[in-house]
Amino acid sequence: MSHAVDHLAVQKGRTQIPAAYAPIDYRFFAQLPTPEIRTPSDLAAVDAVERRAVSLAGYIVRVIPVPIHLAGRQAAEWEFHLHLRVGPSRRCEFQDDPRNLVTVVTPPFQLLHTAWNFEILYELCQEQARVRVSGWLLYDYLSHAQVGRSRVSAWSIHPVTQIEVWNARDQAWQLLR
């Protein structure tokens, strides 16, 4: 099991920006395997999928700031968990919902994008702006208990490496810098 824990930590800490993203939809996540990680071959199968960079369009329906704790220290940095859905919500939500697909903005990418802060991400949620979130696929086998309660899948986009906002006037995606 320690190999799986180490693997998950490495995948969550990725800083490489993909050369390209494959567009996916919400049904794609439902088709991904969700194995128990018991053997090296289980881990290898998950790793093969996690090498894919994807982009997903939708609406941010929840923004959760999560402090990153270093051993024995106060939280110094924050991740932002952006919960997406196919269609807009009436407002930014605060409760769990099993329809949410989780994406995670990590500190290394926040440094590169000054607009990737809580206030702006929460504003996109409040406005129910259409967004396209891109990054690496991640299988968080530790989140299985949340599937069906606060998320649709143990798979997520983590880390997020690109966020775009739909500009209706120009009919084009614009990078959130």
Protein backbone atom coordinates (compact mmCIF):
# COMPACT_ATOMS: atom_id res chain seq x y z
CA MET A 1 0.00 0.00 0.00
CA SER A 2 2.92 2.39 0.60
CA HIS A 3 3.66 2.31 -3.13
CA ALA A 4 0.12 3.52 -3.80
CA VAL A 5 0.45 6.31 -1.21
CA ASP A 6 3.80 7.39 -2.67
CA HIS A 7 2.38 7.26 -6.19
CA LEU A 8 -0.62 9.41 -5.20
CA ALA A 9 1.66 12.01 -3.57
CA VAL A 10 3.83 12.21 -6.70
CA GLN A 11 0.81 12.56 -8.99
CA LYS A 12 -0.74 15.28 -6.81
CA GLY A 13 2.55 17.19 -6.86
CA ARG A 14 3.04 17.25 -10.63
CA THR A 15 4.24 20.59 -12.04
CA GLN A 16 4.69 19.72 -15.72
CA ILE A 17 2.42 21.61 -18.12
CA PRO A 18 1.01 19.30 -20.80
CA ALA A 19 1.72 20.01 -24.46
CA ALA A 20 -1.93 19.35 -25.36
CA TYR A 21 -5.24 18.44 -23.75
CA ALA A 22 -7.82 15.88 -24.90
CA PRO A 23 -11.36 17.28 -24.60
CA ILE A 24 -13.59 15.05 -22.49
CA ASP A 25 -17.11 15.17 -21.08
CA TYR A 26 -18.66 14.03 -17.81
CA ARG A 27 -19.57 10.60 -19.20
CA PHE A 28 -15.86 9.96 -19.71
CA PHE A 29 -15.33 9.92 -15.93
CA ALA A 30 -18.08 7.34 -15.45
CA GLN A 31 -16.23 4.98 -17.81
CA LEU A 32 -12.85 5.17 -16.05
CA PRO A 33 -11.77 2.12 -14.03
CA THR A 34 -11.96 2.38 -10.24
CA PRO A 35 -9.84 -0.52 -9.00
CA GLU A 36 -8.76 -1.31 -5.49
CA ILE A 37 -5.02 -0.69 -5.55
CA ARG A 38 -3.69 -4.00 -4.27
CA THR A 39 -0.98 -5.02 -6.70
CA PRO A 40 1.72 -3.35 -8.78
CA SER A 41 -0.31 -4.17 -11.91
CA ASP A 42 -3.33 -2.30 -10.45
CA LEU A 43 -1.11 0.71 -9.89
CA ALA A 44 0.41 0.44 -13.38
CA ALA A 45 -3.06 0.41 -14.97
CA VAL A 46 -4.05 3.56 -13.08
CA ASP A 47 -0.72 5.22 -13.90
CA ALA A 48 -1.29 4.66 -17.62
CA VAL A 49 -4.57 6.62 -17.45
CA GLU A 50 -3.08 9.33 -15.23
CA ARG A 51 -0.59 10.20 -17.98
CA ARG A 52 -3.46 11.79 -19.92
CA ALA A 53 -3.99 15.53 -19.93
CA VAL A 54 -7.63 16.50 -20.41
CA SER A 55 -9.93 19.51 -20.63
CA LEU A 56 -13.50 19.66 -19.35
CA ALA A 57 -16.04 22.45 -19.85
CA GLY A 58 -18.69 23.19 -17.26
CA TYR A 59 -19.66 25.44 -14.38
CA ILE A 60 -17.97 25.85 -11.01
CA VAL A 61 -20.66 25.11 -8.43
CA ARG A 62 -18.46 24.97 -5.34
CA VAL A 63 -15.05 26.34 -4.31
CA ILE A 64 -13.40 24.77 -1.28
CA PRO A 65 -10.13 26.22 0.06
CA VAL A 66 -8.07 23.41 1.60
CA PRO A 67 -5.00 24.25 3.71
CA ILE A 68 -1.84 22.33 2.98
CA HIS A 69 -0.19 21.28 6.23
CA LEU A 70 3.48 20.51 6.46
CA ALA A 71 4.54 18.20 9.27
CA GLY A 72 4.29 20.05 12.57
CA ARG A 73 3.59 23.46 11.02
CA GLN A 74 0.67 25.78 10.39
CA ALA A 75 -0.87 25.77 6.91
CA ALA A 76 1.29 27.90 4.64
CA GLU A 77 -0.45 27.35 1.31
CA TRP A 78 -3.89 26.51 0.00
CA GLU A 79 -5.33 24.23 -2.65
CA PHE A 80 -8.67 25.14 -4.18
CA HIS A 81 -11.06 22.30 -4.92
CA LEU A 82 -13.33 23.43 -7.74
CA HIS A 83 -16.45 21.28 -8.10
CA LEU A 84 -17.82 21.31 -11.65
CA ARG A 85 -21.11 20.33 -13.24
CA VAL A 86 -22.42 20.16 -16.79
CA GLY A 87 -24.96 22.95 -16.29
CA PRO A 88 -25.11 26.07 -14.16
CA SER A 89 -26.45 26.16 -10.63
CA ARG A 90 -28.63 28.92 -9.19
CA ARG A 91 -25.76 29.98 -6.97
CA CYS A 92 -22.40 28.89 -5.61
CA GLU A 93 -23.19 25.97 -3.31
CA PHE A 94 -21.93 25.04 0.13
CA GLN A 95 -23.33 21.54 0.54
CA ASP A 96 -22.10 18.22 -0.79
CA ASP A 97 -23.64 16.97 -4.02
CA PRO A 98 -22.99 13.62 -5.72
CA ARG A 99 -23.09 15.23 -9.19
CA ASN A 100 -19.89 17.22 -8.62
CA LEU A 101 -16.73 16.44 -10.52
CA VAL A 102 -13.66 17.50 -8.53
CA THR A 103 -10.77 19.52 -9.94
CA VAL A 104 -7.88 20.81 -7.82
CA VAL A 105 -5.84 24.00 -8.23
CA THR A 106 -2.49 23.47 -6.48
CA PRO A 107 -0.03 26.11 -5.18
CA PRO A 108 2.66 25.64 -7.87
CA PHE A 109 0.16 26.69 -10.56
CA GLN A 110 -1.26 29.52 -8.45
CA LEU A 111 2.19 31.13 -8.51
CA LEU A 112 2.06 31.21 -12.32
CA HIS A 113 -1.45 32.67 -12.48
CA THR A 114 -2.28 35.64 -10.28
CA ALA A 115 -6.01 35.31 -11.05
CA TRP A 116 -6.10 31.81 -9.58
CA ASN A 117 -6.91 33.04 -6.09
CA PHE A 118 -9.92 32.30 -3.92
CA GLU A 119 -11.69 35.60 -4.56
CA ILE A 120 -11.62 35.31 -8.36
CA LEU A 121 -12.45 31.59 -8.42
CA TYR A 122 -15.35 32.19 -6.03
CA GLU A 123 -16.56 35.07 -8.21
CA LEU A 124 -16.65 32.71 -11.22
CA CYS A 125 -18.74 30.38 -9.09
CA GLN A 126 -21.10 33.16 -7.99
CA GLU A 127 -21.54 34.37 -11.59
CA GLN A 128 -21.96 30.81 -12.85
CA ALA A 129 -19.51 31.63 -15.63
CA ARG A 130 -18.85 28.82 -18.09
CA VAL A 131 -15.29 27.55 -17.66
CA ARG A 132 -12.97 25.03 -19.24
CA VAL A 133 -10.61 23.40 -16.76
CA SER A 134 -7.59 21.49 -18.02
CA GLY A 135 -4.91 19.40 -16.36
CA TRP A 136 -3.82 15.90 -15.47
CA LEU A 137 -6.14 13.01 -14.64
CA LEU A 138 -5.73 11.68 -11.11
CA TYR A 139 -7.22 8.61 -9.46
CA ASP A 140 -7.62 9.38 -5.76
CA TYR A 141 -8.44 5.94 -4.43
CA LEU A 142 -8.63 7.44 -0.92
CA SER A 143 -11.77 9.38 -1.91
CA HIS A 144 -13.95 6.31 -2.62
CA ALA A 145 -16.05 6.99 0.48
CA GLN A 146 -17.02 10.40 -0.96
CA VAL A 147 -18.28 8.99 -4.27
CA GLY A 148 -22.05 9.28 -4.37
CA ARG A 149 -22.03 11.85 -1.55
CA SER A 150 -19.83 14.80 -2.55
CA ARG A 151 -18.44 13.70 -5.89
CA VAL A 152 -19.37 11.64 -8.91
CA SER A 153 -16.05 9.78 -9.21
CA ALA A 154 -12.77 9.06 -7.45
CA TRP A 155 -11.15 10.46 -10.60
CA SER A 156 -10.40 14.17 -10.80
CA ILE A 157 -8.40 16.74 -12.72
CA HIS A 158 -5.49 17.31 -10.35
CA PRO A 159 -3.49 19.40 -10.73
CA VAL A 160 -5.33 21.93 -12.86
CA THR A 161 -2.83 23.48 -15.27
CA GLN A 162 -5.11 25.78 -17.27
CA ILE A 163 -8.41 27.59 -16.66
CA GLU A 164 -10.36 29.35 -19.40
CA VAL A 165 -13.55 31.40 -19.17
CA TRP A 166 -16.11 31.56 -21.99
CA ASN A 167 -16.49 35.04 -23.48
CA ALA A 168 -20.00 35.12 -24.97
CA ARG A 169 -19.41 38.41 -26.78
CA ASP A 170 -16.32 37.12 -28.62
CA GLN A 171 -17.61 33.53 -28.76
CA ALA A 172 -14.22 32.30 -27.56
CA TRP A 173 -12.41 30.89 -24.55
CA GLN A 174 -10.12 33.32 -22.71
CA LEU A 175 -7.30 32.20 -20.47
CA LEU A 176 -7.63 33.08 -16.82
CA ARG A 177 -4.20 34.41 -16.02
